[in-house]
């Protein structure tokens, strides 16, 4: 990472960024050009291991590429605001972002049903107790992305005191 002053290494702060994001963009291998697709997601954290869960149709380009290559890249961000800095004659975008790489695994059976009910639907207050059509889960692709590499950056609107660049024992930047 070129801008080490913007690197976020504290694992808890990285999770806060992920929690504030509603969309993850997947980078999938598709010949010469990568295929980038935005999707909604849910996630879990166990022993500082992040797993991202997505769902969708059991057909289409995203499904086929995930089936063909069981690794992907991902990115999620929170654009905060564009800021003009007259005293420096500069302009900067304020943001928080996370990106990384993950291993892809399609869930089936009880594992798929449990991921939908206990992770994906549980992410938002509006869907936690929603009476969705459980029969459709059997015809839905549910994918678990186990994060293998993770980096985060922030250019916050304040002095940056809320984003620590600790690099301490809880820092998680790089390969797991």
Foldseek 3Di string as FASTA:
>chain_A
DVPLVFWFFQLVVVVVFVLPWQWKWKFFDDPPHTDIDIFGWWWDADPSWIKIKGKFACDDDVNVRCVVAQKIKMKTKDFDAWDQDVVVRDIDTWMKMKIAMWGKDWDADPVQLCCVQPIVQCSDPVRNPDPDDSVCSNRMTMMMTTTFFMIMGGDHPDPCPVRDSPPDPNTGGTGD
